[in-house]
Amino acid sequence: MRALPVLLALLLAPVAVAAGMSDPTRPQDAAIPQKSAANDAPSFRLQYVAVGPSGASAIINGARVRVGDRVSGARVLSIQSGRVALQHAGERIVLRLDHSSIRRKRGRQ
């Protein structure tokens, strides 16, 4: 029974020492980044927009969405050729594609 406290002390000692150590590869003058409200907001990446006779859809952050859907906490307000409008935390956000990514769906004729 006496060996248990000694064993626990030996096992936990490296954890206590490591908690007080800093990263030896980090430059001495490097600042530790602080979280801000801007860092907490989700980022949105518009990857694809399709507008055609059957409706419009987009891919945002890897998820296929239509008007009214939600993605990363935002609601999709509108989808138009090359852009998508979102509502997030009471704010309207417009995402845009560059022209090389725009593609229109074509209906059967």
PDB file of N, CA and C in Angstrom:
ATOM      1  N   MET A   1       0.803  -1.198   0.000  1.00  0.00           N
ATOM      2  CA  MET A   1       0.000   0.000   0.000  1.00  0.00           C
ATOM      3  C   MET A   1       0.846   1.262   0.000  1.00  0.00           C
ATOM      4  N   ARG A   2       2.032   1.204   0.646  1.00  0.00           N
ATOM      5  CA  ARG A   2       2.894   2.383   0.673  1.00  0.00           C
ATOM      6  C   ARG A   2       3.432   2.704  -0.717  1.00  0.00           C
ATOM      7  N   ALA A   3       3.513   1.736  -1.563  1.00  0.00           N
ATOM      8  CA  ALA A   3       4.075   1.926  -2.899  1.00  0.00           C
ATOM      9  C   ALA A   3       3.125   2.717  -3.812  1.00  0.00           C
ATOM     10  N   LEU A   4       1.821   2.673  -3.561  1.00  0.00           N
ATOM     11  CA  LEU A   4       0.847   3.357  -4.408  1.00  0.00           C
ATOM     12  C   LEU A   4       1.057   4.868  -4.421  1.00  0.00           C
ATOM     13  N   PRO A   5       1.175   5.550  -3.273  1.00  0.00           N
ATOM     14  CA  PRO A   5       1.398   6.994  -3.335  1.00  0.00           C
ATOM     15  C   PRO A   5       2.716   7.354  -4.025  1.00  0.00           C
ATOM     16  N   VAL A   6       3.749   6.577  -3.810  1.00  0.00           N
ATOM     17  CA  VAL A   6       5.043   6.845  -4.449  1.00  0.00           C
ATOM     18  C   VAL A   6       4.920   6.659  -5.960  1.00  0.00           C
ATOM     19  N   LEU A   7       4.232   5.588  -6.364  1.00  0.00           N
ATOM     20  CA  LEU A   7       4.044   5.329  -7.784  1.00  0.00           C
ATOM     21  C   LEU A   7       3.249   6.457  -8.446  1.00  0.00           C
ATOM     22  N   LEU A   8       2.181   6.920  -7.791  1.00  0.00           N
ATOM     23  CA  LEU A   8       1.388   8.024  -8.338  1.00  0.00           C
ATOM     24  C   LEU A   8       2.217   9.296  -8.458  1.00  0.00           C
ATOM     25  N   ALA A   9       3.040   9.573  -7.448  1.00  0.00           N
ATOM     26  CA  ALA A   9       3.893  10.767  -7.480  1.00  0.00           C
ATOM     27  C   ALA A   9       4.870  10.696  -8.642  1.00  0.00           C
ATOM     28  N   LEU A  10       5.444   9.533  -8.887  1.00  0.00           N
ATOM     29  CA  LEU A  10       6.381   9.369  -9.992  1.00  0.00           C
ATOM     30  C   LEU A  10       5.697   9.505 -11.355  1.00  0.00           C
ATOM     31  N   LEU A  11       4.477   9.016 -11.431  1.00  0.00           N
ATOM     32  CA  LEU A  11       3.746   9.090 -12.701  1.00  0.00           C
ATOM     33  C   LEU A  11       3.268  10.505 -13.006  1.00  0.00           C
ATOM     34  N   LEU A  12       2.865  11.258 -11.989  1.00  0.00           N
ATOM     35  CA  LEU A  12       2.307  12.592 -12.196  1.00  0.00           C
ATOM     36  C   LEU A  12       3.360  13.690 -12.222  1.00  0.00           C
ATOM     37  N   ALA A  13       4.560  13.447 -11.782  1.00  0.00           N
ATOM     38  CA  ALA A  13       5.613  14.464 -11.746  1.00  0.00           C
ATOM     39  C   ALA A  13       5.924  15.035 -13.128  1.00  0.00           C
ATOM     40  N   PRO A  14       6.078  14.215 -14.182  1.00  0.00           N
ATOM     41  CA  PRO A  14       6.364  14.801 -15.510  1.00  0.00           C
ATOM     42  C   PRO A  14       5.241  15.692 -16.022  1.00  0.00           C
ATOM     43  N   VAL A  15       3.999  15.380 -15.690  1.00  0.00           N
ATOM     44  CA  VAL A  15       2.870  16.196 -16.128  1.00  0.00           C
ATOM     45  C   VAL A  15       2.955  17.571 -15.478  1.00  0.00           C
ATOM     46  N   ALA A  16       3.265  17.631 -14.202  1.00  0.00           N
ATOM     47  CA  ALA A  16       3.365  18.903 -13.491  1.00  0.00           C
ATOM     48  C   ALA A  16       4.529  19.733 -14.027  1.00  0.00           C
ATOM     49  N   VAL A  17       5.648  19.110 -14.348  1.00  0.00           N
ATOM     50  CA  VAL A  17       6.802  19.835 -14.882  1.00  0.00           C
ATOM     51  C   VAL A  17       6.501  20.359 -16.285  1.00  0.00           C
ATOM     52  N   ALA A  18       5.865  19.536 -17.135  1.00  0.00           N
ATOM     53  CA  ALA A  18       5.570  19.925 -18.511  1.00  0.00           C
ATOM     54  C   ALA A  18       4.579  21.079 -18.577  1.00  0.00           C
ATOM     55  N   ALA A  19       3.686  21.194 -17.606  1.00  0.00           N
ATOM     56  CA  ALA A  19       2.681  22.261 -17.622  1.00  0.00           C
ATOM     57  C   ALA A  19       3.335  23.635 -17.535  1.00  0.00           C
ATOM     58  N   GLY A  20       4.487  23.738 -16.884  1.00  0.00           N
ATOM     59  CA  GLY A  20       5.156  25.020 -16.734  1.00  0.00           C
ATOM     60  C   GLY A  20       6.148  25.325 -17.837  1.00  0.00           C
ATOM     61  N   MET A  21       6.339  24.423 -18.789  1.00  0.00           N
ATOM     62  CA  MET A  21       7.329  24.615 -19.849  1.00  0.00           C
ATOM     63  C   MET A  21       6.721  25.357 -21.033  1.00  0.00           C
ATOM     64  N   SER A  22       7.574  26.088 -21.744  1.00  0.00           N
ATOM     65  CA  SER A  22       7.117  26.755 -22.965  1.00  0.00           C
ATOM     66  C   SER A  22       7.651  25.995 -24.174  1.00  0.00           C
ATOM     67  N   ASP A  23       7.150  26.326 -25.333  1.00  0.00           N
ATOM     68  CA  ASP A  23       7.560  25.682 -26.573  1.00  0.00           C
ATOM     69  C   ASP A  23       8.966  26.155 -26.945  1.00  0.00           C
ATOM     70  N   PRO A  24       9.959  25.265 -26.971  1.00  0.00           N
ATOM     71  CA  PRO A  24      11.324  25.694 -27.265  1.00  0.00           C
ATOM     72  C   PRO A  24      11.528  26.117 -28.722  1.00  0.00           C
ATOM     73  N   THR A  25      10.608  25.775 -29.616  1.00  0.00           N
ATOM     74  CA  THR A  25      10.766  26.139 -31.027  1.00  0.00           C
ATOM     75  C   THR A  25      10.152  27.498 -31.347  1.00  0.00           C
ATOM     76  N   ARG A  26       9.367  28.054 -30.426  1.00  0.00           N
ATOM     77  CA  ARG A  26       8.726  29.344 -30.649  1.00  0.00           C
ATOM     78  C   ARG A  26       9.724  30.463 -30.380  1.00  0.00           C
ATOM     79  N   PRO A  27       9.828  31.442 -31.294  1.00  0.00           N
ATOM     80  CA  PRO A  27      10.733  32.565 -31.049  1.00  0.00           C
ATOM     81  C   PRO A  27      10.369  33.287 -29.752  1.00  0.00           C
ATOM     82  N   GLN A  28      11.383  33.829 -29.083  1.00  0.00           N
ATOM     83  CA  GLN A  28      11.165  34.487 -27.795  1.00  0.00           C
ATOM     84  C   GLN A  28      10.219  35.674 -27.902  1.00  0.00           C
ATOM     85  N   ASP A  29      10.268  36.411 -29.022  1.00  0.00           N
ATOM     86  CA  ASP A  29       9.437  37.607 -29.144  1.00  0.00           C
ATOM     87  C   ASP A  29       8.073  37.333 -29.782  1.00  0.00           C
ATOM     88  N   ALA A  30       7.735  36.075 -30.019  1.00  0.00           N
ATOM     89  CA  ALA A  30       6.443  35.746 -30.629  1.00  0.00           C
ATOM     90  C   ALA A  30       5.317  35.959 -29.630  1.00  0.00           C
ATOM     91  N   ALA A  31       4.298  36.632 -30.072  1.00  0.00           N
ATOM     92  CA  ALA A  31       3.143  36.883 -29.213  1.00  0.00           C
ATOM     93  C   ALA A  31       2.193  35.699 -29.281  1.00  0.00           C
ATOM     94  N   ILE A  32       1.546  35.422 -28.185  1.00  0.00           N
ATOM     95  CA  ILE A  32       0.542  34.363 -28.149  1.00  0.00           C
ATOM     96  C   ILE A  32      -0.753  34.965 -28.671  1.00  0.00           C
ATOM     97  N   PRO A  33      -1.339  34.385 -29.730  1.00  0.00           N
ATOM     98  CA  PRO A  33      -2.563  34.960 -30.289  1.00  0.00           C
ATOM     99  C   PRO A  33      -3.713  34.903 -29.291  1.00  0.00           C
ATOM    100  N   GLN A  34      -4.440  35.995 -29.215  1.00  0.00           N
ATOM    101  CA  GLN A  34      -5.595  36.086 -28.326  1.00  0.00           C
ATOM    102  C   GLN A  34      -6.853  35.893 -29.150  1.00  0.00           C
ATOM    103  N   LYS A  35      -7.829  35.206 -28.580  1.00  0.00           N
ATOM    104  CA  LYS A  35      -9.113  35.028 -29.264  1.00  0.00           C
ATOM    105  C   LYS A  35      -9.884  36.334 -29.225  1.00  0.00           C
ATOM    106  N   SER A  36     -10.520  36.639 -30.325  1.00  0.00           N
ATOM    107  CA  SER A  36     -11.368  37.816 -30.372  1.00  0.00           C
ATOM    108  C   SER A  36     -12.734  37.404 -30.886  1.00  0.00           C
ATOM    109  N   ALA A  37     -13.672  38.315 -30.826  1.00  0.00           N
ATOM    110  CA  ALA A  37     -15.020  38.018 -31.305  1.00  0.00           C
ATOM    111  C   ALA A  37     -14.996  37.696 -32.796  1.00  0.00           C
ATOM    112  N   ALA A  38     -14.101  38.329 -33.551  1.00  0.00           N
ATOM    113  CA  ALA A  38     -14.006  38.059 -34.988  1.00  0.00           C
ATOM    114  C   ALA A  38     -13.535  36.635 -35.246  1.00  0.00           C
ATOM    115  N   ASN A  39     -12.659  36.100 -34.382  1.00  0.00           N
ATOM    116  CA  ASN A  39     -12.183  34.733 -34.560  1.00  0.00           C
ATOM    117  C   ASN A  39     -13.258  33.708 -34.225  1.00  0.00           C
ATOM    118  N   ASP A  40     -14.234  34.088 -33.418  1.00  0.00           N
ATOM    119  CA  ASP A  40     -15.295  33.165 -33.029  1.00  0.00           C
ATOM    120  C   ASP A  40     -16.348  33.002 -34.118  1.00  0.00           C
ATOM    121  N   ALA A  41     -16.455  33.978 -35.023  1.00  0.00           N
ATOM    122  CA  ALA A  41     -17.453  33.919 -36.082  1.00  0.00           C
ATOM    123  C   ALA A  41     -17.047  32.855 -37.101  1.00  0.00           C
ATOM    124  N   PRO A  42     -18.012  32.093 -37.610  1.00  0.00           N
ATOM    125  CA  PRO A  42     -17.670  31.076 -38.604  1.00  0.00           C
ATOM    126  C   PRO A  42     -17.252  31.726 -39.919  1.00  0.00           C
ATOM    127  N   SER A  43     -16.418  31.046 -40.662  1.00  0.00           N
ATOM    128  CA  SER A  43     -16.054  31.547 -41.981  1.00  0.00           C
ATOM    129  C   SER A  43     -16.868  30.775 -43.008  1.00  0.00           C
ATOM    130  N   PHE A  44     -17.194  31.435 -44.085  1.00  0.00           N
ATOM    131  CA  PHE A  44     -18.007  30.827 -45.130  1.00  0.00           C
ATOM    132  C   PHE A  44     -17.218  30.844 -46.430  1.00  0.00           C
ATOM    133  N   ARG A  45     -17.206  29.700 -47.103  1.00  0.00           N
ATOM    134  CA  ARG A  45     -16.501  29.581 -48.381  1.00  0.00           C
ATOM    135  C   ARG A  45     -17.483  29.094 -49.433  1.00  0.00           C
ATOM    136  N   LEU A  46     -17.777  29.958 -50.383  1.00  0.00           N
ATOM    137  CA  LEU A  46     -18.659  29.608 -51.494  1.00  0.00           C
ATOM    138  C   LEU A  46     -17.832  28.887 -52.540  1.00  0.00           C
ATOM    139  N   GLN A  47     -18.223  27.635 -52.830  1.00  0.00           N
ATOM    140  CA  GLN A  47     -17.434  26.810 -53.733  1.00  0.00           C
ATOM    141  C   GLN A  47     -18.107  26.572 -55.081  1.00  0.00           C
ATOM    142  N   TYR A  48     -19.439  26.668 -55.132  1.00  0.00           N
ATOM    143  CA  TYR A  48     -20.146  26.323 -56.359  1.00  0.00           C
ATOM    144  C   TYR A  48     -21.539  26.921 -56.306  1.00  0.00           C
ATOM    145  N   VAL A  49     -22.019  27.387 -57.460  1.00  0.00           N
ATOM    146  CA  VAL A  49     -23.394  27.880 -57.580  1.00  0.00           C
ATOM    147  C   VAL A  49     -23.985  27.300 -58.857  1.00  0.00           C
ATOM    148  N   ALA A  50     -25.198  26.785 -58.749  1.00  0.00           N
ATOM    149  CA  ALA A  50     -25.920  26.281 -59.918  1.00  0.00           C
ATOM    150  C   ALA A  50     -27.302  26.927 -59.924  1.00  0.00           C
ATOM    151  N   VAL A  51     -27.639  27.584 -61.052  1.00  0.00           N
ATOM    152  CA  VAL A  51     -28.943  28.217 -61.208  1.00  0.00           C
ATOM    153  C   VAL A  51     -29.544  27.684 -62.496  1.00  0.00           C
ATOM    154  N   GLY A  52     -30.741  27.140 -62.397  1.00  0.00           N
ATOM    155  CA  GLY A  52     -31.381  26.586 -63.588  1.00  0.00           C
ATOM    156  C   GLY A  52     -32.877  26.503 -63.425  1.00  0.00           C
ATOM    157  N   PRO A  53     -33.553  25.882 -64.380  1.00  0.00           N
ATOM    158  CA  PRO A  53     -35.018  25.788 -64.351  1.00  0.00           C
ATOM    159  C   PRO A  53     -35.545  25.047 -63.122  1.00  0.00           C
ATOM    160  N   SER A  54     -34.765  24.124 -62.606  1.00  0.00           N
ATOM    161  CA  SER A  54     -35.242  23.355 -61.445  1.00  0.00           C
ATOM    162  C   SER A  54     -34.946  24.058 -60.124  1.00  0.00           C
ATOM    163  N   GLY A  55     -34.342  25.230 -60.187  1.00  0.00           N
ATOM    164  CA  GLY A  55     -34.041  25.977 -58.968  1.00  0.00           C
ATOM    165  C   GLY A  55     -32.554  26.251 -58.850  1.00  0.00           C
ATOM    166  N   ALA A  56     -32.194  26.794 -57.701  1.00  0.00           N
ATOM    167  CA  ALA A  56     -30.800  27.163 -57.476  1.00  0.00           C
ATOM    168  C   ALA A  56     -30.263  26.409 -56.272  1.00  0.00           C
ATOM    169  N   SER A  57     -28.983  26.079 -56.340  1.00  0.00           N
ATOM    170  CA  SER A  57     -28.311  25.458 -55.205  1.00  0.00           C
ATOM    171  C   SER A  57     -26.879  25.955 -55.180  1.00  0.00           C
ATOM    172  N   ALA A  58     -26.242  25.778 -54.046  1.00  0.00           N
ATOM    173  CA  ALA A  58     -24.854  26.208 -53.893  1.00  0.00           C
ATOM    174  C   ALA A  58     -24.138  25.233 -52.978  1.00  0.00           C
ATOM    175  N   ILE A  59     -22.833  25.256 -53.034  1.00  0.00           N
ATOM    176  CA  ILE A  59     -22.029  24.492 -52.086  1.00  0.00           C
ATOM    177  C   ILE A  59     -21.241  25.507 -51.260  1.00  0.00           C
ATOM    178  N   ILE A  60     -21.507  25.498 -49.961  1.00  0.00           N
ATOM    179  CA  ILE A  60     -20.836  26.383 -49.017  1.00  0.00           C
ATOM    180  C   ILE A  60     -20.203  25.509 -47.948  1.00  0.00           C
ATOM    181  N   ASN A  61     -18.915  25.703 -47.726  1.00  0.00           N
ATOM    182  CA  ASN A  61     -18.174  24.909 -46.735  1.00  0.00           C
ATOM    183  C   ASN A  61     -18.364  23.411 -46.956  1.00  0.00           C
ATOM    184  N   GLY A  62     -18.490  23.006 -48.214  1.00  0.00           N
ATOM    185  CA  GLY A  62     -18.609  21.594 -48.544  1.00  0.00           C
ATOM    186  C   GLY A  62     -20.014  21.023 -48.451  1.00  0.00           C
ATOM    187  N   ALA A  63     -21.000  21.842 -48.083  1.00  0.00           N
ATOM    188  CA  ALA A  63     -22.385  21.362 -47.940  1.00  0.00           C
ATOM    189  C   ALA A  63     -23.265  21.952 -49.049  1.00  0.00           C
ATOM    190  N   ARG A  64     -24.074  21.094 -49.679  1.00  0.00           N
ATOM    191  CA  ARG A  64     -25.011  21.567 -50.707  1.00  0.00           C
ATOM    192  C   ARG A  64     -26.203  22.210 -50.015  1.00  0.00           C
ATOM    193  N   VAL A  65     -26.555  23.430 -50.416  1.00  0.00           N
ATOM    194  CA  VAL A  65     -27.657  24.163 -49.784  1.00  0.00           C
ATOM    195  C   VAL A  65     -28.569  24.766 -50.839  1.00  0.00           C
ATOM    196  N   ARG A  66     -29.808  25.020 -50.409  1.00  0.00           N
ATOM    197  CA  ARG A  66     -30.809  25.741 -51.202  1.00  0.00           C
ATOM    198  C   ARG A  66     -31.324  26.883 -50.339  1.00  0.00           C
ATOM    199  N   VAL A  67     -32.107  27.762 -50.913  1.00  0.00           N
ATOM    200  CA  VAL A  67     -32.673  28.886 -50.156  1.00  0.00           C
ATOM    201  C   VAL A  67     -33.478  28.334 -48.978  1.00  0.00           C
ATOM    202  N   GLY A  68     -33.255  28.908 -47.806  1.00  0.00           N
ATOM    203  CA  GLY A  68     -33.946  28.483 -46.589  1.00  0.00           C
ATOM    204  C   GLY A  68     -33.148  27.500 -45.750  1.00  0.00           C
ATOM    205  N   ASP A  69     -32.145  26.848 -46.346  1.00  0.00           N
ATOM    206  CA  ASP A  69     -31.311  25.902 -45.596  1.00  0.00           C
ATOM    207  C   ASP A  69     -30.376  26.660 -44.657  1.00  0.00           C
ATOM    208  N   ARG A  70     -29.777  25.899 -43.732  1.00  0.00           N
ATOM    209  CA  ARG A  70     -28.797  26.466 -42.805  1.00  0.00           C
ATOM    210  C   ARG A  70     -27.441  25.815 -43.044  1.00  0.00           C
ATOM    211  N   VAL A  71     -26.393  26.629 -42.886  1.00  0.00           N
ATOM    212  CA  VAL A  71     -25.022  26.146 -43.004  1.00  0.00           C
ATOM    213  C   VAL A  71     -24.169  26.924 -42.005  1.00  0.00           C
ATOM    214  N   SER A  72     -23.452  26.199 -41.157  1.00  0.00           N
ATOM    215  CA  SER A  72     -22.573  26.803 -40.140  1.00  0.00           C
ATOM    216  C   SER A  72     -23.288  27.889 -39.336  1.00  0.00           C
ATOM    217  N   GLY A  73     -24.548  27.668 -39.012  1.00  0.00           N
ATOM    218  CA  GLY A  73     -25.310  28.604 -38.186  1.00  0.00           C
ATOM    219  C   GLY A  73     -25.944  29.760 -38.937  1.00  0.00           C
ATOM    220  N   ALA A  74     -25.779  29.808 -40.256  1.00  0.00           N
ATOM    221  CA  ALA A  74     -26.358  30.889 -41.060  1.00  0.00           C
ATOM    222  C   ALA A  74     -27.482  30.338 -41.924  1.00  0.00           C
ATOM    223  N   ARG A  75     -28.477  31.205 -42.202  1.00  0.00           N
ATOM    224  CA  ARG A  75     -29.589  30.821 -43.067  1.00  0.00           C
ATOM    225  C   ARG A  75     -29.353  31.377 -44.462  1.00  0.00           C
ATOM    226  N   VAL A  76     -29.603  30.547 -45.486  1.00  0.00           N
ATOM    227  CA  VAL A  76     -29.425  30.960 -46.878  1.00  0.00           C
ATOM    228  C   VAL A  76     -30.638  31.794 -47.284  1.00  0.00           C
ATOM    229  N   LEU A  77     -30.395  33.067 -47.635  1.00  0.00           N
ATOM    230  CA  LEU A  77     -31.474  33.975 -48.024  1.00  0.00           C
ATOM    231  C   LEU A  77     -31.765  33.919 -49.519  1.00  0.00           C
ATOM    232  N   SER A  78     -30.707  33.920 -50.324  1.00  0.00           N
ATOM    233  CA  SER A  78     -30.904  33.885 -51.781  1.00  0.00           C
ATOM    234  C   SER A  78     -29.676  33.279 -52.444  1.00  0.00           C
ATOM    235  N   ILE A  79     -29.934  32.689 -53.619  1.00  0.00           N
ATOM    236  CA  ILE A  79     -28.858  32.141 -54.439  1.00  0.00           C
ATOM    237  C   ILE A  79     -29.058  32.689 -55.841  1.00  0.00           C
ATOM    238  N   GLN A  80     -28.054  33.378 -56.344  1.00  0.00           N
ATOM    239  CA  GLN A  80     -28.078  33.913 -57.695  1.00  0.00           C
ATOM    240  C   GLN A  80     -26.794  33.494 -58.386  1.00  0.00           C
ATOM    241  N   SER A  81     -26.740  33.678 -59.682  1.00  0.00           N
ATOM    242  CA  SER A  81     -25.554  33.296 -60.428  1.00  0.00           C
ATOM    243  C   SER A  81     -24.322  34.006 -59.868  1.00  0.00           C
ATOM    244  N   GLY A  82     -23.428  33.236 -59.283  1.00  0.00           N
ATOM    245  CA  GLY A  82     -22.182  33.792 -58.789  1.00  0.00           C
ATOM    246  C   GLY A  82     -22.194  34.349 -57.388  1.00  0.00           C
ATOM    247  N   ARG A  83     -23.346  34.332 -56.710  1.00  0.00           N
ATOM    248  CA  ARG A  83     -23.363  34.860 -55.341  1.00  0.00           C
ATOM    249  C   ARG A  83     -24.484  34.251 -54.510  1.00  0.00           C
ATOM    250  N   VAL A  84     -24.247  34.257 -53.202  1.00  0.00           N
ATOM    251  CA  VAL A  84     -25.211  33.723 -52.237  1.00  0.00           C
ATOM    252  C   VAL A  84     -25.298  34.707 -51.075  1.00  0.00           C
ATOM    253  N   ALA A  85     -26.516  35.000 -50.638  1.00  0.00           N
ATOM    254  CA  ALA A  85     -26.721  35.872 -49.476  1.00  0.00           C
ATOM    255  C   ALA A  85     -27.108  35.009 -48.283  1.00  0.00           C
ATOM    256  N   LEU A  86     -26.462  35.284 -47.149  1.00  0.00           N
ATOM    257  CA  LEU A  86     -26.718  34.562 -45.899  1.00  0.00           C
ATOM    258  C   LEU A  86     -27.152  35.539 -44.818  1.00  0.00           C
ATOM    259  N   GLN A  87     -27.824  35.023 -43.810  1.00  0.00           N
ATOM    260  CA  GLN A  87     -28.163  35.783 -42.599  1.00  0.00           C
ATOM    261  C   GLN A  87     -27.519  35.061 -41.435  1.00  0.00           C
ATOM    262  N   HIS A  88     -26.604  35.746 -40.722  1.00  0.00           N
ATOM    263  CA  HIS A  88     -25.925  35.142 -39.571  1.00  0.00           C
ATOM    264  C   HIS A  88     -25.844  36.158 -38.445  1.00  0.00           C
ATOM    265  N   ALA A  89     -26.369  35.794 -37.281  1.00  0.00           N
ATOM    266  CA  ALA A  89     -26.324  36.650 -36.083  1.00  0.00           C
ATOM    267  C   ALA A  89     -26.846  38.049 -36.392  1.00  0.00           C
ATOM    268  N   GLY A  90     -27.956  38.128 -37.137  1.00  0.00           N
ATOM    269  CA  GLY A  90     -28.569  39.410 -37.453  1.00  0.00           C
ATOM    270  C   GLY A  90     -27.846  40.205 -38.521  1.00  0.00           C
ATOM    271  N   GLU A  91     -26.861  39.624 -39.149  1.00  0.00           N
ATOM    272  CA  GLU A  91     -26.062  40.323 -40.152  1.00  0.00           C
ATOM    273  C   GLU A  91     -26.224  39.644 -41.501  1.00  0.00           C
ATOM    274  N   ARG A  92     -26.330  40.440 -42.552  1.00  0.00           N
ATOM    275  CA  ARG A  92     -26.420  39.904 -43.916  1.00  0.00           C
ATOM    276  C   ARG A  92     -25.013  39.773 -44.479  1.00  0.00           C
ATOM    277  N   ILE A  93     -24.704  38.605 -45.016  1.00  0.00           N
ATOM    278  CA  ILE A  93     -23.392  38.318 -45.588  1.00  0.00           C
ATOM    279  C   ILE A  93     -23.593  37.891 -47.033  1.00  0.00           C
ATOM    280  N   VAL A  94     -22.848  38.486 -47.955  1.00  0.00           N
ATOM    281  CA  VAL A  94     -22.931  38.106 -49.363  1.00  0.00           C
ATOM    282  C   VAL A  94     -21.618  37.433 -49.749  1.00  0.00           C
ATOM    283  N   LEU A  95     -21.717  36.193 -50.211  1.00  0.00           N
ATOM    284  CA  LEU A  95     -20.565  35.437 -50.686  1.00  0.00           C
ATOM    285  C   LEU A  95     -20.552  35.510 -52.204  1.00  0.00           C
ATOM    286  N   ARG A  96     -19.374  35.665 -52.792  1.00  0.00           N
ATOM    287  CA  ARG A  96     -19.266  35.765 -54.249  1.00  0.00           C
ATOM    288  C   ARG A  96     -18.248  34.761 -54.783  1.00  0.00           C
ATOM    289  N   LEU A  97     -18.535  34.251 -55.984  1.00  0.00           N
ATOM    290  CA  LEU A  97     -17.597  33.391 -56.714  1.00  0.00           C
ATOM    291  C   LEU A  97     -16.799  34.249 -57.678  1.00  0.00           C
ATOM    292  N   ASP A  98     -15.588  33.815 -58.008  1.00  0.00           N
ATOM    293  CA  ASP A  98     -14.908  34.496 -59.102  1.00  0.00           C
ATOM    294  C   ASP A  98     -15.513  33.962 -60.401  1.00  0.00           C
ATOM    295  N   HIS A  99     -15.381  34.693 -61.469  1.00  0.00           N
ATOM    296  CA  HIS A  99     -16.070  34.355 -62.725  1.00  0.00           C
ATOM    297  C   HIS A  99     -15.670  33.003 -63.298  1.00  0.00           C
ATOM    298  N   SER A 100     -14.478  32.522 -63.013  1.00  0.00           N
ATOM    299  CA  SER A 100     -14.054  31.242 -63.569  1.00  0.00           C
ATOM    300  C   SER A 100     -14.788  30.065 -62.934  1.00  0.00           C
ATOM    301  N   SER A 101     -15.431  30.289 -61.774  1.00  0.00           N
ATOM    302  CA  SER A 101     -16.128  29.205 -61.089  1.00  0.00           C
ATOM    303  C   SER A 101     -17.622  29.161 -61.402  1.00  0.00           C
ATOM    304  N   ILE A 102     -18.148  30.158 -62.101  1.00  0.00           N
ATOM    305  CA  ILE A 102     -19.588  30.243 -62.349  1.00  0.00           C
ATOM    306  C   ILE A 102     -19.986  29.276 -63.452  1.00  0.00           C
ATOM    307  N   ARG A 103     -21.047  28.528 -63.190  1.00  0.00           N
ATOM    308  CA  ARG A 103     -21.545  27.550 -64.147  1.00  0.00           C
ATOM    309  C   ARG A 103     -23.063  27.522 -64.074  1.00  0.00           C
ATOM    310  N   ARG A 104     -23.735  27.594 -65.211  1.00  0.00           N
ATOM    311  CA  ARG A 104     -25.192  27.565 -65.245  1.00  0.00           C
ATOM    312  C   ARG A 104     -25.677  26.172 -65.633  1.00  0.00           C
ATOM    313  N   LYS A 105     -26.756  25.723 -64.959  1.00  0.00           N
ATOM    314  CA  LYS A 105     -27.396  24.467 -65.353  1.00  0.00           C
ATOM    315  C   LYS A 105     -28.219  24.742 -66.596  1.00  0.00           C
ATOM    316  N   ARG A 106     -28.244  23.791 -67.482  1.00  0.00           N
ATOM    317  CA  ARG A 106     -29.041  23.934 -68.690  1.00  0.00           C
ATOM    318  C   ARG A 106     -30.172  22.926 -68.668  1.00  0.00           C
ATOM    319  N   GLY A 107     -31.370  23.381 -68.992  1.00  0.00           N
ATOM    320  CA  GLY A 107     -32.525  22.496 -69.043  1.00  0.00           C
ATOM    321  C   GLY A 107     -32.537  21.671 -70.310  1.00  0.00           C
ATOM    322  N   ARG A 108     -33.251  20.565 -70.285  1.00  0.00           N
ATOM    323  CA  ARG A 108     -33.383  19.722 -71.478  1.00  0.00           C
ATOM    324  C   ARG A 108     -34.237  20.426 -72.511  1.00  0.00           C
ATOM    325  N   GLN A 109     -33.830  20.317 -73.737  1.00  0.00           N
ATOM    326  CA  GLN A 109     -34.578  20.992 -74.793  1.00  0.00           C
ATOM    327  C   GLN A 109     -35.038  20.018 -75.836  1.00  0.00           C
TER     328      GLN A 109
END
